[in-house]
N, C-alpha and C. Protein backbone atom coordinates (compact mmCIF):
# COMPACT_ATOMS: atom_id res chain seq x y z
N MET A 1 86.76 39.91 96.89
CA MET A 1 87.52 40.85 97.71
C MET A 1 86.93 40.89 99.11
N TYR A 2 87.82 40.91 100.11
CA TYR A 2 87.37 40.91 101.50
C TYR A 2 86.71 42.24 101.84
N LYS A 3 85.50 42.19 102.42
CA LYS A 3 84.74 43.40 102.72
C LYS A 3 84.52 43.61 104.21
N GLY A 4 84.88 42.66 105.04
CA GLY A 4 84.57 42.76 106.46
C GLY A 4 85.53 43.66 107.21
N THR A 5 85.34 43.68 108.52
CA THR A 5 86.22 44.47 109.39
C THR A 5 87.17 43.53 110.10
N PHE A 6 88.46 43.87 110.07
CA PHE A 6 89.47 43.03 110.70
C PHE A 6 90.38 43.92 111.52
N PRO A 7 90.68 43.56 112.75
CA PRO A 7 91.49 44.44 113.60
C PRO A 7 92.89 44.63 113.05
N MET A 8 93.40 45.85 113.20
CA MET A 8 94.76 46.16 112.78
C MET A 8 95.76 45.41 113.67
N VAL A 9 96.81 44.91 113.06
CA VAL A 9 97.90 44.29 113.80
C VAL A 9 98.84 45.40 114.28
N ALA A 10 99.27 45.32 115.54
CA ALA A 10 100.22 46.31 116.05
C ALA A 10 101.49 46.26 115.20
N HIS A 11 101.98 47.43 114.84
CA HIS A 11 103.15 47.47 113.97
C HIS A 11 103.87 48.80 114.10
N GLN A 12 105.10 48.82 113.59
CA GLN A 12 105.89 50.05 113.54
C GLN A 12 106.22 50.37 112.09
N THR A 13 106.08 51.63 111.74
CA THR A 13 106.44 52.10 110.40
C THR A 13 107.69 52.95 110.49
N ILE A 14 108.66 52.65 109.65
CA ILE A 14 109.85 53.50 109.54
C ILE A 14 110.07 53.85 108.08
N LEU A 15 110.80 54.92 107.86
CA LEU A 15 111.28 55.29 106.53
C LEU A 15 112.79 55.11 106.54
N PHE A 16 113.34 54.55 105.48
CA PHE A 16 114.79 54.39 105.48
C PHE A 16 115.37 54.49 104.08
N GLY A 17 116.67 54.71 104.05
CA GLY A 17 117.42 54.73 102.81
C GLY A 17 118.82 54.22 103.08
N ILE A 18 119.44 53.62 102.08
CA ILE A 18 120.79 53.07 102.22
C ILE A 18 121.67 53.60 101.10
N GLN A 19 122.81 54.14 101.50
CA GLN A 19 123.85 54.54 100.55
C GLN A 19 125.00 53.56 100.67
N LYS A 20 125.55 53.13 99.53
CA LYS A 20 126.68 52.22 99.55
C LYS A 20 127.90 52.89 98.94
N GLY A 21 129.07 52.47 99.40
CA GLY A 21 130.30 53.04 98.86
C GLY A 21 131.49 52.17 99.22
N ALA A 22 132.65 52.52 98.68
CA ALA A 22 133.87 51.76 98.92
C ALA A 22 134.41 52.06 100.31
N ILE A 23 134.76 51.02 101.05
CA ILE A 23 135.31 51.19 102.40
C ILE A 23 136.57 52.05 102.37
N ARG A 24 137.35 51.92 101.31
CA ARG A 24 138.58 52.71 101.20
C ARG A 24 138.32 54.21 101.16
N LYS A 25 137.09 54.60 100.83
CA LYS A 25 136.75 56.01 100.72
C LYS A 25 136.30 56.62 102.05
N LEU A 26 136.14 55.79 103.08
CA LEU A 26 135.71 56.30 104.37
C LEU A 26 136.79 57.20 104.97
N ARG A 27 136.38 58.21 105.71
CA ARG A 27 137.30 59.26 106.17
C ARG A 27 138.42 58.73 107.05
N ASN A 28 138.14 57.72 107.86
CA ASN A 28 139.15 57.23 108.79
C ASN A 28 139.88 55.98 108.29
N PHE A 29 139.67 55.63 107.03
CA PHE A 29 140.41 54.49 106.47
C PHE A 29 141.83 54.95 106.15
N ALA A 30 142.81 54.25 106.70
CA ALA A 30 144.21 54.64 106.54
C ALA A 30 144.95 53.65 105.64
N SER A 31 146.13 54.06 105.20
CA SER A 31 146.91 53.24 104.27
C SER A 31 147.30 51.89 104.87
N GLY A 32 147.40 51.82 106.19
CA GLY A 32 147.76 50.56 106.84
C GLY A 32 146.59 49.63 107.09
N HIS A 33 145.38 50.07 106.77
CA HIS A 33 144.20 49.24 106.98
C HIS A 33 144.02 48.23 105.84
N HIS A 34 143.28 47.18 106.13
CA HIS A 34 142.99 46.15 105.13
C HIS A 34 141.49 45.98 104.97
N ILE A 35 141.06 45.79 103.74
CA ILE A 35 139.65 45.54 103.45
C ILE A 35 139.27 44.16 104.01
N PRO A 36 138.13 44.02 104.67
CA PRO A 36 137.72 42.71 105.21
C PRO A 36 137.63 41.65 104.11
N SER A 37 138.06 40.45 104.45
CA SER A 37 137.97 39.33 103.51
C SER A 37 136.87 38.36 103.91
N ASP A 38 136.32 38.53 105.12
CA ASP A 38 135.23 37.69 105.60
C ASP A 38 134.19 38.58 106.29
N TYR A 39 132.97 38.08 106.33
CA TYR A 39 131.91 38.79 107.06
C TYR A 39 131.81 38.18 108.45
N ASN A 40 132.31 38.90 109.45
CA ASN A 40 132.26 38.42 110.82
C ASN A 40 132.22 39.62 111.76
N ALA A 41 132.19 39.34 113.06
CA ALA A 41 132.02 40.41 114.05
C ALA A 41 133.17 41.41 114.01
N SER A 42 134.39 40.93 113.86
CA SER A 42 135.53 41.85 113.86
C SER A 42 135.54 42.71 112.60
N ALA A 43 135.14 42.14 111.47
CA ALA A 43 135.07 42.92 110.23
C ALA A 43 133.99 44.00 110.34
N CYS A 44 132.86 43.66 110.93
CA CYS A 44 131.78 44.63 111.11
C CYS A 44 132.22 45.75 112.05
N ALA A 45 132.92 45.38 113.13
CA ALA A 45 133.41 46.38 114.08
C ALA A 45 134.42 47.31 113.42
N PHE A 46 135.25 46.77 112.54
CA PHE A 46 136.24 47.59 111.82
C PHE A 46 135.54 48.65 110.97
N VAL A 47 134.51 48.25 110.24
CA VAL A 47 133.79 49.20 109.39
C VAL A 47 133.10 50.27 110.24
N GLU A 48 132.54 49.86 111.37
CA GLU A 48 131.93 50.84 112.27
C GLU A 48 132.96 51.86 112.76
N LYS A 49 134.17 51.38 113.03
CA LYS A 49 135.22 52.27 113.54
C LYS A 49 135.70 53.25 112.48
N VAL A 50 136.04 52.74 111.29
CA VAL A 50 136.59 53.63 110.26
C VAL A 50 135.49 54.49 109.63
N GLY A 51 134.24 54.09 109.82
CA GLY A 51 133.13 54.87 109.26
C GLY A 51 132.49 55.83 110.25
N GLN A 52 133.02 55.88 111.48
CA GLN A 52 132.40 56.71 112.52
C GLN A 52 132.27 58.17 112.10
N ALA A 53 133.32 58.73 111.53
CA ALA A 53 133.29 60.14 111.14
C ALA A 53 132.25 60.40 110.06
N ASP A 54 132.08 59.45 109.15
CA ASP A 54 131.10 59.61 108.08
C ASP A 54 129.67 59.55 108.64
N VAL A 55 129.46 58.66 109.60
CA VAL A 55 128.15 58.56 110.25
C VAL A 55 127.80 59.86 110.95
N GLU A 56 128.75 60.37 111.73
CA GLU A 56 128.50 61.60 112.48
C GLU A 56 128.29 62.78 111.54
N ALA A 57 129.05 62.84 110.46
CA ALA A 57 128.91 63.96 109.52
C ALA A 57 127.53 63.96 108.87
N LEU A 58 127.05 62.79 108.47
CA LEU A 58 125.74 62.72 107.83
C LEU A 58 124.63 63.04 108.83
N ALA A 59 124.75 62.53 110.05
CA ALA A 59 123.74 62.82 111.07
C ALA A 59 123.68 64.32 111.36
N ARG A 60 124.83 64.96 111.45
CA ARG A 60 124.86 66.40 111.72
C ARG A 60 124.33 67.19 110.52
N GLN A 61 124.58 66.70 109.33
CA GLN A 61 124.05 67.36 108.13
C GLN A 61 122.52 67.35 108.13
N ILE A 62 121.94 66.18 108.41
CA ILE A 62 120.49 66.09 108.46
C ILE A 62 119.93 66.94 109.59
N LEU A 63 120.59 66.89 110.75
CA LEU A 63 120.14 67.69 111.88
C LEU A 63 120.21 69.18 111.56
N ASP A 64 121.29 69.63 110.93
CA ASP A 64 121.41 71.05 110.58
C ASP A 64 120.28 71.48 109.65
N GLU A 65 119.91 70.60 108.73
CA GLU A 65 118.80 70.92 107.82
C GLU A 65 117.49 71.04 108.59
N GLN A 66 117.29 70.17 109.58
CA GLN A 66 116.08 70.24 110.40
C GLN A 66 116.09 71.49 111.29
N ARG A 67 117.24 71.84 111.81
CA ARG A 67 117.35 73.05 112.64
C ARG A 67 116.98 74.28 111.83
N GLN A 68 117.46 74.35 110.60
CA GLN A 68 117.15 75.50 109.75
C GLN A 68 115.68 75.51 109.35
N LEU A 69 115.15 74.35 109.01
CA LEU A 69 113.77 74.26 108.56
C LEU A 69 112.79 74.65 109.65
N HIS A 70 113.08 74.24 110.90
CA HIS A 70 112.14 74.44 111.99
C HIS A 70 112.61 75.47 113.02
N ALA A 71 113.71 76.16 112.71
CA ALA A 71 114.25 77.18 113.62
C ALA A 71 114.44 76.62 115.03
N LEU A 72 115.10 75.47 115.12
CA LEU A 72 115.27 74.79 116.40
C LEU A 72 116.35 75.45 117.25
N LYS A 73 116.09 75.54 118.53
CA LYS A 73 117.09 76.00 119.49
C LYS A 73 117.87 74.80 120.01
N ARG A 74 118.97 75.07 120.71
CA ARG A 74 119.82 73.99 121.20
C ARG A 74 119.05 73.05 122.12
N VAL A 75 118.13 73.60 122.91
CA VAL A 75 117.39 72.76 123.85
C VAL A 75 116.30 71.93 123.16
N ASP A 76 116.08 72.17 121.87
CA ASP A 76 115.01 71.49 121.16
C ASP A 76 115.41 70.13 120.61
N PHE A 77 116.70 69.83 120.60
CA PHE A 77 117.13 68.57 119.99
C PHE A 77 118.20 67.90 120.84
N SER A 78 118.38 66.59 120.59
CA SER A 78 119.44 65.84 121.26
C SER A 78 120.13 64.95 120.24
N LEU A 79 121.40 64.67 120.49
CA LEU A 79 122.20 63.85 119.59
C LEU A 79 123.04 62.90 120.45
N GLU A 80 122.86 61.61 120.23
CA GLU A 80 123.59 60.59 120.99
C GLU A 80 124.52 59.83 120.05
N ILE A 81 125.81 59.85 120.35
CA ILE A 81 126.80 59.20 119.50
C ILE A 81 127.20 57.86 120.10
N LEU A 82 127.00 56.80 119.33
CA LEU A 82 127.39 55.45 119.70
C LEU A 82 128.40 54.94 118.67
N ARG A 83 128.96 53.76 118.89
CA ARG A 83 129.90 53.21 117.91
C ARG A 83 129.15 52.83 116.63
N GLY A 84 129.50 53.49 115.55
CA GLY A 84 128.89 53.19 114.26
C GLY A 84 127.46 53.63 114.12
N ARG A 85 126.99 54.47 115.03
CA ARG A 85 125.57 54.84 115.02
C ARG A 85 125.37 56.17 115.74
N VAL A 86 124.47 56.99 115.23
CA VAL A 86 124.09 58.25 115.88
C VAL A 86 122.58 58.32 115.94
N LEU A 87 122.05 58.66 117.12
CA LEU A 87 120.61 58.78 117.34
C LEU A 87 120.28 60.26 117.55
N VAL A 88 119.24 60.74 116.88
CA VAL A 88 118.87 62.16 116.95
C VAL A 88 117.38 62.29 117.25
N GLU A 89 117.06 63.21 118.15
CA GLU A 89 115.67 63.52 118.49
C GLU A 89 115.42 65.01 118.26
N THR A 90 114.33 65.33 117.57
CA THR A 90 113.85 66.70 117.45
C THR A 90 112.37 66.69 117.79
N PRO A 91 111.74 67.85 117.94
CA PRO A 91 110.30 67.84 118.22
C PRO A 91 109.47 67.22 117.10
N GLN A 92 110.01 67.18 115.89
CA GLN A 92 109.26 66.68 114.74
C GLN A 92 109.49 65.20 114.46
N LEU A 93 110.69 64.70 114.74
CA LEU A 93 111.01 63.33 114.35
C LEU A 93 112.14 62.74 115.16
N SER A 94 112.25 61.41 115.08
CA SER A 94 113.40 60.67 115.60
C SER A 94 114.08 60.03 114.40
N PHE A 95 115.41 60.13 114.34
CA PHE A 95 116.11 59.46 113.25
C PHE A 95 117.46 58.95 113.71
N SER A 96 118.00 58.02 112.94
CA SER A 96 119.31 57.47 113.23
C SER A 96 120.10 57.33 111.94
N VAL A 97 121.41 57.35 112.09
CA VAL A 97 122.33 57.07 110.98
C VAL A 97 123.29 56.00 111.47
N SER A 98 123.49 54.96 110.68
CA SER A 98 124.38 53.87 111.09
C SER A 98 125.16 53.37 109.89
N ILE A 99 126.24 52.67 110.17
CA ILE A 99 127.07 52.11 109.11
C ILE A 99 127.32 50.64 109.39
N SER A 100 127.42 49.85 108.32
CA SER A 100 127.66 48.42 108.46
C SER A 100 128.43 47.92 107.24
N LEU A 101 128.99 46.75 107.38
CA LEU A 101 129.67 46.08 106.27
C LEU A 101 128.62 45.46 105.36
N ASP A 102 128.77 45.66 104.07
CA ASP A 102 127.86 45.04 103.11
C ASP A 102 128.14 43.54 103.07
N PRO A 103 127.19 42.70 103.48
CA PRO A 103 127.46 41.25 103.52
C PRO A 103 127.64 40.62 102.14
N GLU A 104 127.16 41.31 101.10
CA GLU A 104 127.25 40.76 99.75
C GLU A 104 128.46 41.27 98.99
N GLN A 105 128.95 42.45 99.37
CA GLN A 105 130.13 43.04 98.73
C GLN A 105 131.06 43.53 99.84
N LEU A 106 132.06 42.71 100.18
CA LEU A 106 132.88 43.00 101.36
C LEU A 106 133.77 44.22 101.20
N LYS A 107 133.88 44.75 100.00
CA LYS A 107 134.65 45.97 99.80
C LYS A 107 133.80 47.22 100.03
N GLN A 108 132.52 47.01 100.32
CA GLN A 108 131.59 48.12 100.44
C GLN A 108 131.02 48.25 101.85
N TYR A 109 130.62 49.48 102.18
CA TYR A 109 129.88 49.75 103.40
C TYR A 109 128.44 50.11 103.03
N CYS A 110 127.56 50.01 104.01
CA CYS A 110 126.17 50.46 103.87
C CYS A 110 125.92 51.54 104.92
N LEU A 111 125.58 52.72 104.47
CA LEU A 111 125.26 53.84 105.36
C LEU A 111 123.74 53.99 105.34
N ARG A 112 123.13 53.76 106.50
CA ARG A 112 121.66 53.68 106.57
C ARG A 112 121.09 54.84 107.39
N VAL A 113 120.11 55.51 106.82
CA VAL A 113 119.35 56.55 107.52
C VAL A 113 117.96 56.00 107.79
N GLU A 114 117.51 56.08 109.04
CA GLU A 114 116.18 55.61 109.43
C GLU A 114 115.41 56.73 110.11
N ILE A 115 114.21 56.99 109.64
CA ILE A 115 113.28 57.85 110.36
C ILE A 115 112.40 56.92 111.17
N THR A 116 112.65 56.86 112.47
CA THR A 116 111.96 55.88 113.31
C THR A 116 110.64 56.41 113.86
N ALA A 117 110.44 57.72 113.80
CA ALA A 117 109.16 58.29 114.25
C ALA A 117 108.95 59.66 113.65
N LEU A 118 107.77 59.90 113.11
CA LEU A 118 107.27 61.23 112.83
C LEU A 118 106.29 61.52 113.96
N LYS A 119 106.57 62.54 114.75
CA LYS A 119 105.99 62.64 116.08
C LYS A 119 104.59 63.24 116.16
N SER A 120 104.00 63.56 115.03
CA SER A 120 102.63 64.08 115.05
C SER A 120 101.96 63.75 113.73
N ALA A 121 100.64 63.79 113.75
CA ALA A 121 99.90 63.55 112.51
C ALA A 121 100.21 64.61 111.47
N SER A 122 100.48 65.84 111.92
CA SER A 122 100.79 66.91 110.98
C SER A 122 102.14 66.69 110.30
N ALA A 123 103.08 66.06 111.01
CA ALA A 123 104.40 65.80 110.42
C ALA A 123 104.30 64.85 109.24
N VAL A 124 103.34 63.92 109.30
CA VAL A 124 103.19 62.93 108.24
C VAL A 124 102.78 63.58 106.92
N ILE A 125 102.12 64.73 106.98
CA ILE A 125 101.67 65.42 105.77
C ILE A 125 102.38 66.75 105.56
N ASP A 126 103.46 66.97 106.30
CA ASP A 126 104.24 68.21 106.17
C ASP A 126 105.17 68.06 104.96
N SER A 127 104.79 68.65 103.84
CA SER A 127 105.56 68.46 102.60
C SER A 127 106.97 69.02 102.71
N ALA A 128 107.15 70.13 103.43
CA ALA A 128 108.49 70.69 103.58
C ALA A 128 109.39 69.73 104.36
N LEU A 129 108.86 69.15 105.43
CA LEU A 129 109.62 68.18 106.22
C LEU A 129 109.95 66.95 105.38
N LEU A 130 108.95 66.41 104.69
CA LEU A 130 109.17 65.21 103.89
C LEU A 130 110.14 65.47 102.75
N ASP A 131 110.03 66.64 102.12
CA ASP A 131 110.97 66.97 101.04
C ASP A 131 112.40 67.04 101.56
N SER A 132 112.57 67.53 102.79
CA SER A 132 113.92 67.64 103.35
C SER A 132 114.53 66.27 103.62
N LEU A 133 113.68 65.26 103.80
CA LEU A 133 114.16 63.90 104.08
C LEU A 133 114.25 63.03 102.83
N SER A 134 113.68 63.50 101.73
CA SER A 134 113.64 62.71 100.50
C SER A 134 115.02 62.28 99.98
N PRO A 135 116.07 63.13 100.12
CA PRO A 135 117.38 62.68 99.63
C PRO A 135 117.95 61.49 100.40
N TYR A 136 117.41 61.22 101.59
CA TYR A 136 118.00 60.21 102.46
C TYR A 136 117.17 58.93 102.58
N CYS A 137 115.87 59.02 102.33
CA CYS A 137 114.98 57.87 102.56
C CYS A 137 114.14 57.61 101.32
N HIS A 138 114.03 56.34 100.93
CA HIS A 138 113.28 55.99 99.73
C HIS A 138 112.40 54.75 99.91
N THR A 139 112.33 54.24 101.15
CA THR A 139 111.57 53.02 101.40
C THR A 139 110.71 53.18 102.64
N VAL A 140 109.46 52.70 102.56
CA VAL A 140 108.58 52.60 103.73
C VAL A 140 108.62 51.16 104.20
N SER A 141 108.90 50.95 105.48
CA SER A 141 108.96 49.61 106.04
C SER A 141 107.96 49.49 107.19
N ILE A 142 107.14 48.45 107.16
CA ILE A 142 106.17 48.18 108.22
C ILE A 142 106.51 46.84 108.84
N THR A 143 106.80 46.86 110.14
CA THR A 143 107.17 45.64 110.86
C THR A 143 106.08 45.32 111.88
N PRO A 144 105.37 44.20 111.71
CA PRO A 144 104.30 43.85 112.64
C PRO A 144 104.82 43.18 113.90
N SER A 145 103.96 43.10 114.89
CA SER A 145 104.32 42.46 116.16
C SER A 145 104.24 40.94 116.07
N MET A 146 103.73 40.42 114.95
CA MET A 146 103.61 38.98 114.76
C MET A 146 104.00 38.65 113.33
N ALA A 147 104.45 37.41 113.11
CA ALA A 147 104.86 36.99 111.77
C ALA A 147 103.65 36.97 110.83
N ILE A 148 103.90 37.32 109.57
CA ILE A 148 102.85 37.31 108.55
C ILE A 148 102.77 35.93 107.90
N ASP A 149 101.57 35.43 107.72
CA ASP A 149 101.35 34.18 107.00
C ASP A 149 101.34 34.49 105.51
N VAL A 150 102.51 34.41 104.87
CA VAL A 150 102.64 34.84 103.48
C VAL A 150 101.82 33.95 102.55
N VAL A 151 101.78 32.66 102.80
CA VAL A 151 101.01 31.75 101.95
C VAL A 151 99.53 32.14 101.95
N ALA A 152 98.99 32.45 103.13
CA ALA A 152 97.59 32.85 103.21
C ALA A 152 97.36 34.18 102.49
N ILE A 153 98.33 35.09 102.58
CA ILE A 153 98.23 36.37 101.88
C ILE A 153 98.19 36.13 100.37
N ILE A 154 99.08 35.27 99.87
CA ILE A 154 99.13 34.98 98.44
C ILE A 154 97.80 34.39 97.97
N ASP A 155 97.28 33.44 98.72
CA ASP A 155 96.01 32.81 98.34
C ASP A 155 94.89 33.84 98.28
N ALA A 156 94.87 34.76 99.24
CA ALA A 156 93.82 35.78 99.26
C ALA A 156 93.96 36.74 98.08
N ILE A 157 95.19 37.17 97.79
CA ILE A 157 95.41 38.11 96.69
C ILE A 157 95.08 37.47 95.35
N GLU A 158 95.40 36.19 95.20
CA GLU A 158 95.13 35.51 93.93
C GLU A 158 93.63 35.37 93.65
N ALA A 159 92.82 35.56 94.68
CA ALA A 159 91.37 35.51 94.50
C ALA A 159 90.80 36.85 94.06
N VAL A 160 91.65 37.88 94.00
CA VAL A 160 91.21 39.23 93.62
C VAL A 160 91.69 39.50 92.19
N GLU A 161 90.76 39.62 91.28
CA GLU A 161 91.11 39.73 89.86
C GLU A 161 92.02 40.92 89.58
N ASP A 162 91.76 42.07 90.21
CA ASP A 162 92.54 43.27 89.93
C ASP A 162 93.98 43.17 90.41
N LEU A 163 94.24 42.31 91.40
CA LEU A 163 95.58 42.20 91.97
C LEU A 163 96.34 40.97 91.47
N ARG A 164 95.62 39.96 91.01
CA ARG A 164 96.26 38.72 90.60
C ARG A 164 97.32 38.95 89.52
N SER A 165 97.02 39.84 88.59
CA SER A 165 97.92 40.05 87.45
C SER A 165 99.19 40.81 87.82
N ILE A 166 99.21 41.48 88.98
CA ILE A 166 100.41 42.24 89.36
C ILE A 166 101.17 41.56 90.50
N LEU A 167 100.79 40.31 90.80
CA LEU A 167 101.40 39.55 91.90
C LEU A 167 102.49 38.63 91.37
N ASN A 168 103.62 38.61 92.07
CA ASN A 168 104.70 37.66 91.77
C ASN A 168 105.22 37.08 93.07
N TYR A 169 105.65 35.80 93.02
CA TYR A 169 106.23 35.17 94.20
C TYR A 169 107.04 33.96 93.77
N PRO A 170 108.06 33.56 94.56
CA PRO A 170 108.87 32.38 94.23
C PRO A 170 108.10 31.10 94.49
N HIS A 171 108.66 29.99 94.05
CA HIS A 171 107.96 28.70 94.15
C HIS A 171 107.69 28.29 95.59
N ASP A 172 108.54 28.74 96.54
CA ASP A 172 108.33 28.35 97.93
C ASP A 172 107.38 29.29 98.67
N ALA A 173 106.89 30.32 97.97
CA ALA A 173 105.93 31.27 98.55
C ALA A 173 106.43 31.90 99.85
N SER A 174 107.74 32.11 99.94
CA SER A 174 108.32 32.71 101.15
C SER A 174 108.14 34.22 101.18
N GLU A 175 107.84 34.80 100.04
CA GLU A 175 107.61 36.23 99.92
C GLU A 175 106.75 36.48 98.70
N CYS A 176 106.24 37.69 98.59
CA CYS A 176 105.49 38.03 97.38
C CYS A 176 105.64 39.52 97.10
N HIS A 177 105.34 39.89 95.86
CA HIS A 177 105.55 41.26 95.41
C HIS A 177 104.36 41.71 94.56
N LEU A 178 103.91 42.92 94.81
CA LEU A 178 102.86 43.54 94.01
C LEU A 178 103.43 44.78 93.34
N ARG A 179 103.33 44.85 92.03
CA ARG A 179 103.82 46.00 91.28
C ARG A 179 102.62 46.84 90.82
N PHE A 180 102.42 47.98 91.48
CA PHE A 180 101.32 48.88 91.15
C PHE A 180 101.84 49.94 90.18
N ASP A 181 101.80 49.66 88.89
CA ASP A 181 102.27 50.64 87.91
C ASP A 181 101.46 51.93 87.99
N SER A 182 100.16 51.81 88.26
CA SER A 182 99.30 52.99 88.34
C SER A 182 99.66 53.89 89.51
N LEU A 183 100.32 53.32 90.52
CA LEU A 183 100.73 54.08 91.70
C LEU A 183 102.23 54.36 91.72
N ASN A 184 102.95 53.87 90.70
CA ASN A 184 104.41 54.01 90.68
C ASN A 184 105.02 53.40 91.94
N LEU A 185 104.58 52.16 92.27
CA LEU A 185 104.95 51.59 93.57
C LEU A 185 105.14 50.08 93.49
N ASN A 186 106.18 49.61 94.17
CA ASN A 186 106.37 48.18 94.42
C ASN A 186 106.11 47.90 95.90
N LEU A 187 105.31 46.87 96.18
CA LEU A 187 105.03 46.45 97.55
C LEU A 187 105.54 45.03 97.71
N SER A 188 106.42 44.82 98.68
CA SER A 188 107.00 43.49 98.95
C SER A 188 106.55 43.02 100.32
N ILE A 189 106.24 41.73 100.43
CA ILE A 189 105.73 41.15 101.67
C ILE A 189 106.50 39.89 101.99
N ASN A 190 106.99 39.78 103.23
CA ASN A 190 107.53 38.51 103.73
C ASN A 190 107.05 38.34 105.16
N GLU A 191 107.48 37.29 105.82
CA GLU A 191 106.94 37.01 107.15
C GLU A 191 107.31 38.09 108.17
N ARG A 192 108.35 38.87 107.87
CA ARG A 192 108.80 39.91 108.81
C ARG A 192 108.07 41.23 108.63
N GLY A 193 107.42 41.44 107.47
CA GLY A 193 106.72 42.70 107.28
C GLY A 193 106.58 43.09 105.83
N LEU A 194 106.31 44.38 105.60
CA LEU A 194 106.08 44.93 104.27
C LEU A 194 107.10 46.03 103.99
N GLU A 195 107.47 46.16 102.72
CA GLU A 195 108.27 47.29 102.27
C GLU A 195 107.66 47.85 101.00
N MET A 196 107.67 49.18 100.89
CA MET A 196 107.13 49.85 99.71
C MET A 196 108.14 50.86 99.19
N GLU A 197 108.37 50.80 97.87
CA GLU A 197 109.31 51.70 97.21
C GLU A 197 108.69 52.21 95.92
N SER A 198 109.01 53.45 95.57
CA SER A 198 108.58 53.98 94.29
C SER A 198 109.33 53.28 93.17
N ILE A 199 108.65 53.01 92.06
CA ILE A 199 109.32 52.43 90.89
C ILE A 199 110.28 53.46 90.32
N LEU A 200 109.80 54.69 90.16
CA LEU A 200 110.64 55.83 89.78
C LEU A 200 110.58 56.82 90.94
N PRO A 201 111.68 57.00 91.68
CA PRO A 201 111.65 57.86 92.87
C PRO A 201 111.23 59.29 92.54
N LYS A 202 110.25 59.78 93.30
CA LYS A 202 109.76 61.15 93.12
C LYS A 202 109.61 61.87 94.45
N GLY A 203 110.25 61.34 95.49
CA GLY A 203 110.22 62.01 96.78
C GLY A 203 109.26 61.36 97.76
N LEU A 204 109.47 61.67 99.05
CA LEU A 204 108.67 61.06 100.11
C LEU A 204 107.19 61.45 100.08
N PRO A 205 106.83 62.71 99.77
CA PRO A 205 105.39 63.02 99.76
C PRO A 205 104.60 62.09 98.84
N GLU A 206 105.11 61.86 97.63
CA GLU A 206 104.40 60.95 96.72
C GLU A 206 104.48 59.51 97.21
N LEU A 207 105.65 59.09 97.71
CA LEU A 207 105.79 57.72 98.20
C LEU A 207 104.77 57.42 99.29
N LEU A 208 104.60 58.32 100.24
CA LEU A 208 103.66 58.07 101.33
C LEU A 208 102.22 58.10 100.83
N GLU A 209 101.92 59.01 99.93
CA GLU A 209 100.55 59.08 99.38
C GLU A 209 100.19 57.80 98.64
N GLN A 210 101.09 57.32 97.79
CA GLN A 210 100.81 56.12 97.01
C GLN A 210 100.88 54.86 97.88
N SER A 211 101.74 54.87 98.89
CA SER A 211 101.81 53.72 99.80
C SER A 211 100.49 53.54 100.55
N ALA A 212 99.88 54.65 100.95
CA ALA A 212 98.59 54.57 101.64
C ALA A 212 97.53 53.94 100.73
N LYS A 213 97.55 54.29 99.45
CA LYS A 213 96.59 53.71 98.50
C LYS A 213 96.85 52.22 98.30
N ALA A 214 98.13 51.85 98.21
CA ALA A 214 98.47 50.43 98.03
C ALA A 214 98.06 49.62 99.26
N LEU A 215 98.24 50.19 100.45
CA LEU A 215 97.83 49.49 101.67
C LEU A 215 96.32 49.30 101.72
N THR A 216 95.58 50.28 101.24
CA THR A 216 94.12 50.14 101.19
C THR A 216 93.73 48.95 100.31
N ALA A 217 94.36 48.85 99.14
CA ALA A 217 94.09 47.72 98.25
C ALA A 217 94.49 46.41 98.90
N PHE A 218 95.64 46.40 99.58
CA PHE A 218 96.11 45.20 100.26
C PHE A 218 95.14 44.78 101.36
N ASN A 219 94.71 45.74 102.19
CA ASN A 219 93.80 45.43 103.29
C ASN A 219 92.47 44.89 102.78
N GLN A 220 91.98 45.45 101.68
CA GLN A 220 90.70 45.02 101.13
C GLN A 220 90.78 43.64 100.48
N SER A 221 92.00 43.19 100.19
CA SER A 221 92.16 41.92 99.47
C SER A 221 92.13 40.71 100.38
N ASN A 222 92.27 40.92 101.71
CA ASN A 222 92.44 39.75 102.57
C ASN A 222 91.85 39.98 103.95
N SER A 223 91.61 38.87 104.65
CA SER A 223 91.14 38.91 106.03
C SER A 223 92.22 38.38 106.97
N VAL A 224 93.45 38.28 106.48
CA VAL A 224 94.55 37.69 107.25
C VAL A 224 95.19 38.72 108.16
N VAL A 225 95.57 39.87 107.59
CA VAL A 225 96.26 40.90 108.36
C VAL A 225 96.02 42.25 107.69
N HIS A 226 95.81 43.28 108.50
CA HIS A 226 95.58 44.63 108.00
C HIS A 226 96.57 45.60 108.63
N PHE A 227 96.96 46.62 107.85
CA PHE A 227 97.90 47.62 108.34
C PHE A 227 97.42 49.01 107.97
N SER A 228 97.81 49.99 108.80
CA SER A 228 97.70 51.40 108.42
C SER A 228 99.11 51.90 108.17
N LEU A 229 99.24 53.00 107.44
CA LEU A 229 100.57 53.50 107.12
C LEU A 229 101.28 53.99 108.37
N PHE A 230 100.58 54.77 109.18
CA PHE A 230 101.13 55.26 110.44
C PHE A 230 100.08 55.14 111.52
N THR A 231 100.53 55.07 112.77
CA THR A 231 99.62 55.20 113.89
C THR A 231 99.29 56.67 114.06
N GLU A 232 98.42 56.99 115.00
CA GLU A 232 98.04 58.38 115.20
C GLU A 232 99.23 59.25 115.58
N SER A 233 100.23 58.68 116.24
CA SER A 233 101.39 59.46 116.66
C SER A 233 102.40 59.63 115.54
N GLY A 234 102.21 58.89 114.42
CA GLY A 234 103.11 59.03 113.30
C GLY A 234 104.18 57.97 113.24
N SER A 235 104.13 56.95 114.11
CA SER A 235 105.15 55.90 114.08
C SER A 235 104.56 54.59 113.58
């Protein structure tokens, strides 16, 4: 197991969740509309258009919950409406809601909620805040400023007896997965970054706590790349 000191790679941490549903169920889908038959720019734009009301409704729902939780005044928050996307800022966090066409199931949309920043160290451990976001987000994503050498990561992990047995990867070693049953957590790694999800969802407070433990094990296993769960600012 790697015991030395290795500099952290610059990275961004976000929390996200995706809800899927039938395009026909979107609020602005009309009887004269047609379900996309191909995945292309016009089909994606169509889903953004007919899903606009659903995006705005979900963004306002989350914002209203944050306003109530933190007793926010009108001057405390901002909401920017774009096509198929809404961006929201509060003193505690930044989040967005967006909609897209599901590339694998053309009859479906993907409604994505992203927490792009928790704006203080206290927000990261604020159980009330995290509980309020748990219905919408179930994945921790870490995106580094440089590509990850997945092959080197696999070689390093396979040299660690405690991790070798929970490691899986395809024959081309393009990605790898660690299943931490003791932490109720799956950790996936590819060249673009890391994702962590609970095996059995139990809310964001537990997900973040167990993700931090999994990252510690990951960092100790290799000298290739190291990550922290959040920066000091919470992003």
